[in-house]
Amino acid sequence: MNEWNIQSRAHVCEACSQPFTDKQPYRTILFEAGKELRRSDICELCAGKAGDLRLHDGYISHWQGIYEAPPAQPVEAIQKETAETILRKVIEQNDPRYASAAYILAVMLERKRILKVKEQFQREGQRVFVYEQPKTGDIFTIADPDLHLDQLEQVQRDVAQLLEHGLNSPAAGTPVVPDQTEGSATETPAAENETAPPPVEAATPAS
């Protein structure tokens, strides 16, 4: 099972099917559905009727959010990739080779206050973090790859390469996996205007 994904905020209450209005409070419930993690967004009224949300089957966590109506999408010029857009593309690839890079990118975005840790828990012996992008309400489920010191430098180089060249460029063709062979990697500078990946001692998100 792949322990990293993105789940977007709903635009209607899952319980009563009423559309959310701008600035309306709502509740997000995170729970296990079989082998997957699933979110459910419900209005405050339905949350009150549901009683103790912790009694929900497969319950993991819940929190309150404020719905923001999506703005009209203007025609935009092509923009340079950011750490967030790279993270989204990496997760969409659903390739385990990028698991370590996804984790480092998420930590970078948390440090910039672009993502917030909403929950962390253990699943099948692995620590899993649930991040939220407050502006969009999207949640990112990212597993901790438990990087070792001798692996971190290679992963940082891989992340810097992704930020510099993007995911789909020829320069990003090398698998983004920790390299166990000393001296096998070629250093690539970090992308302009992006923060370099954090050192290992600071790579654990706050609870």
Protein backbone atom coordinates (compact mmCIF):
# COMPACT_ATOMS: atom_id res chain seq x y z
CA MET A 1 0.00 0.00 0.00
CA ASN A 2 1.27 3.46 -0.91
CA GLU A 3 1.11 5.77 2.13
CA TRP A 4 1.13 9.09 0.28
CA ASN A 5 -1.68 10.81 -1.57
CA ILE A 6 -3.63 14.06 -1.95
CA GLN A 7 -7.32 14.40 -1.17
CA SER A 8 -9.11 17.62 -2.10
CA ARG A 9 -11.66 19.42 0.06
CA ALA A 10 -15.27 18.71 -0.85
CA HIS A 11 -17.57 21.48 -2.05
CA VAL A 12 -20.73 19.92 -0.56
CA CYS A 13 -21.46 18.27 2.78
CA GLU A 14 -21.07 14.51 2.44
CA ALA A 15 -23.88 13.89 4.92
CA CYS A 16 -26.64 16.26 3.71
CA SER A 17 -25.35 17.13 0.20
CA GLN A 18 -25.80 20.87 0.82
CA PRO A 19 -23.16 23.03 -0.91
CA PHE A 20 -20.71 24.78 1.38
CA THR A 21 -20.82 28.57 1.31
CA ASP A 22 -17.85 30.90 1.49
CA LYS A 23 -16.39 31.19 5.04
CA GLN A 24 -18.64 28.39 6.32
CA PRO A 25 -17.11 26.20 9.08
CA TYR A 26 -16.98 22.50 8.36
CA ARG A 27 -15.43 19.36 9.84
CA THR A 28 -12.95 17.02 8.17
CA ILE A 29 -12.89 13.43 9.43
CA LEU A 30 -9.95 11.19 8.52
CA PHE A 31 -10.54 7.48 8.77
CA GLU A 32 -9.42 4.13 7.43
CA ALA A 33 -11.52 2.58 4.67
CA GLY A 34 -10.12 -0.88 4.06
CA LYS A 35 -6.45 -0.43 3.19
CA GLU A 36 -6.85 3.24 2.27
CA LEU A 37 -7.06 6.51 4.19
CA ARG A 38 -10.14 8.60 3.37
CA ARG A 39 -11.39 12.06 4.29
CA SER A 40 -15.01 13.09 4.80
CA ASP A 41 -16.08 16.75 4.89
CA ILE A 42 -19.36 17.55 6.65
CA CYS A 43 -21.08 20.74 7.79
CA GLU A 44 -21.24 21.73 11.46
CA LEU A 45 -24.95 20.90 11.67
CA CYS A 46 -24.39 17.34 10.45
CA ALA A 47 -21.34 17.02 12.70
CA GLY A 48 -23.53 17.93 15.67
CA LYS A 49 -26.12 15.36 14.68
CA ALA A 50 -23.43 12.70 14.29
CA GLY A 51 -22.44 12.98 17.96
CA ASP A 52 -18.95 11.88 18.96
CA LEU A 53 -16.99 11.77 15.70
CA ARG A 54 -14.39 9.54 17.35
CA LEU A 55 -16.91 6.69 17.26
CA HIS A 56 -16.86 6.71 13.45
CA ASP A 57 -15.71 3.35 12.05
CA GLY A 58 -11.98 3.50 11.29
CA TYR A 59 -11.64 6.95 12.93
CA ILE A 60 -8.12 8.44 12.97
CA SER A 61 -8.61 12.17 13.51
CA HIS A 62 -10.85 15.17 12.80
CA TRP A 63 -10.49 18.95 12.71
CA GLN A 64 -12.44 22.10 11.84
CA GLY A 65 -11.85 24.05 8.66
CA ILE A 66 -13.26 27.19 7.04
CA TYR A 67 -14.51 26.71 3.50
CA GLU A 68 -13.19 29.17 0.95
CA ALA A 69 -15.09 29.40 -2.31
CA PRO A 70 -12.70 28.78 -5.22
CA PRO A 71 -11.93 32.00 -7.13
CA ALA A 72 -12.50 32.31 -10.84
CA GLN A 73 -9.52 30.87 -12.67
CA PRO A 74 -7.77 33.59 -14.68
CA VAL A 75 -5.66 32.76 -17.70
CA GLU A 76 -2.14 32.58 -16.31
CA ALA A 77 1.22 32.64 -17.96
CA ILE A 78 3.39 29.56 -17.60
CA GLN A 79 5.05 29.81 -14.20
CA LYS A 80 8.17 28.20 -12.82
CA GLU A 81 7.67 25.04 -10.81
CA THR A 82 7.49 25.51 -7.04
CA ALA A 83 8.10 23.03 -4.23
CA GLU A 84 4.32 22.61 -3.87
CA THR A 85 3.67 21.94 -7.57
CA ILE A 86 6.57 19.47 -7.64
CA LEU A 87 5.19 17.71 -4.55
CA ARG A 88 1.76 17.41 -6.18
CA LYS A 89 3.27 15.97 -9.35
CA VAL A 90 5.48 13.55 -7.42
CA ILE A 91 2.46 12.23 -5.52
CA GLU A 92 0.42 11.95 -8.71
CA GLN A 93 3.19 9.80 -10.20
CA ASN A 94 2.50 7.27 -7.42
CA ASP A 95 6.05 5.96 -7.82
CA PRO A 96 7.73 4.64 -4.62
CA ARG A 97 11.08 5.87 -5.95
CA TYR A 98 9.97 9.41 -5.08
CA ALA A 99 8.81 8.65 -1.52
CA SER A 100 11.88 10.18 0.14
CA ALA A 101 11.75 13.28 -2.07
CA ALA A 102 8.04 13.73 -1.28
CA TYR A 103 8.79 13.67 2.44
CA ILE A 104 11.59 16.25 2.18
CA LEU A 105 9.43 18.53 0.00
CA ALA A 106 6.60 18.32 2.55
CA VAL A 107 8.96 19.28 5.38
CA MET A 108 10.24 22.23 3.34
CA LEU A 109 6.68 23.43 2.75
CA GLU A 110 5.83 23.04 6.43
CA ARG A 111 8.82 25.20 7.35
CA LYS A 112 7.56 27.87 4.92
CA ARG A 113 4.10 27.62 6.56
CA ILE A 114 2.56 26.56 3.25
CA LEU A 115 1.55 23.19 4.71
CA LYS A 116 0.43 22.49 8.28
CA VAL A 117 0.67 19.18 10.13
CA LYS A 118 -2.84 18.17 11.16
CA GLU A 119 -2.11 14.69 12.47
CA GLN A 120 0.58 12.03 12.75
CA PHE A 121 0.11 8.36 13.55
CA GLN A 122 1.69 4.94 13.22
CA ARG A 123 0.43 2.55 10.54
CA GLU A 124 1.94 -0.85 9.83
CA GLY A 125 5.07 0.15 11.72
CA GLN A 126 5.57 3.38 9.76
CA ARG A 127 4.97 6.95 10.90
CA VAL A 128 2.48 8.81 8.69
CA PHE A 129 1.95 12.60 8.60
CA VAL A 130 -1.24 14.31 7.46
CA TYR A 131 -0.55 17.81 6.10
CA GLU A 132 -3.15 20.40 5.10
CA GLN A 133 -2.79 23.21 2.59
CA PRO A 134 -4.92 25.84 4.42
CA LYS A 135 -5.75 27.90 1.33
CA THR A 136 -7.16 24.99 -0.70
CA GLY A 137 -8.13 22.61 2.10
CA ASP A 138 -6.26 19.78 0.35
CA ILE A 139 -4.67 17.20 2.62
CA PHE A 140 -1.44 15.39 1.83
CA THR A 141 -0.75 12.00 3.41
CA ILE A 142 3.02 11.46 3.56
CA ALA A 143 4.84 8.51 5.12
CA ASP A 144 8.14 9.06 6.94
CA PRO A 145 10.80 7.11 4.96
CA ASP A 146 13.02 6.97 8.08
CA LEU A 147 16.05 8.38 6.28
CA HIS A 148 19.52 7.67 7.64
CA LEU A 149 22.36 10.18 7.68
CA ASP A 150 24.17 8.36 4.89
CA GLN A 151 21.06 8.56 2.68
CA LEU A 152 20.04 12.18 3.27
CA GLU A 153 22.69 13.90 1.15
CA GLN A 154 21.66 11.98 -1.98
CA VAL A 155 17.96 12.68 -1.39
CA GLN A 156 18.71 16.39 -0.92
CA ARG A 157 20.52 16.41 -4.26
CA ASP A 158 17.57 14.68 -5.90
CA VAL A 159 15.15 17.25 -4.45
CA ALA A 160 17.38 20.12 -5.61
CA GLN A 161 17.41 18.59 -9.09
CA LEU A 162 13.61 18.36 -9.11
CA LEU A 163 13.30 22.00 -8.06
CA GLU A 164 15.80 23.08 -10.70
CA HIS A 165 14.62 21.02 -13.66
CA GLY A 166 11.09 19.83 -12.85
CA LEU A 167 9.73 16.31 -12.74
CA ASN A 168 9.27 15.63 -16.45
CA SER A 169 12.49 17.08 -17.80
CA PRO A 170 15.36 14.81 -18.96
CA ALA A 171 17.37 15.91 -15.92
CA ALA A 172 14.73 14.36 -13.65
CA GLY A 173 15.00 10.93 -15.21
CA THR A 174 17.27 9.51 -12.51
CA PRO A 175 15.29 7.60 -9.84
CA VAL A 176 14.91 9.72 -6.71
CA VAL A 177 15.98 7.09 -4.20
CA PRO A 178 18.59 7.09 -1.44
CA ASP A 179 21.94 6.07 -2.94
CA GLN A 180 23.83 3.52 -0.86
CA THR A 181 27.03 3.75 -2.98
CA GLU A 182 29.49 6.34 -1.71
CA GLY A 183 30.56 8.91 -4.25
CA SER A 184 28.09 7.84 -6.94
CA ALA A 185 26.05 11.06 -7.02
CA THR A 186 26.85 14.29 -8.84
CA GLU A 187 25.93 17.38 -6.86
CA THR A 188 23.24 19.62 -8.34
CA PRO A 189 22.67 23.15 -6.95
CA ALA A 190 19.31 24.05 -5.45
CA ALA A 191 16.83 25.93 -7.61
CA GLU A 192 16.78 29.70 -7.49
CA ASN A 193 14.29 31.17 -4.99
CA GLU A 194 13.71 27.79 -3.34
CA THR A 195 14.94 26.81 0.11
CA ALA A 196 17.44 23.95 0.13
CA PRO A 197 16.17 20.70 1.69
CA PRO A 198 16.51 20.73 5.49
CA PRO A 199 19.19 18.73 7.35
CA VAL A 200 18.11 15.41 8.83
CA GLU A 201 18.02 16.63 12.40
CA ALA A 202 15.36 19.18 11.41
CA ALA A 203 13.41 17.00 9.01
CA THR A 204 10.77 15.81 11.46
CA PRO A 205 7.58 17.92 11.37
CA ALA A 206 6.27 19.32 14.61
CA SER A 207 3.35 17.52 16.22
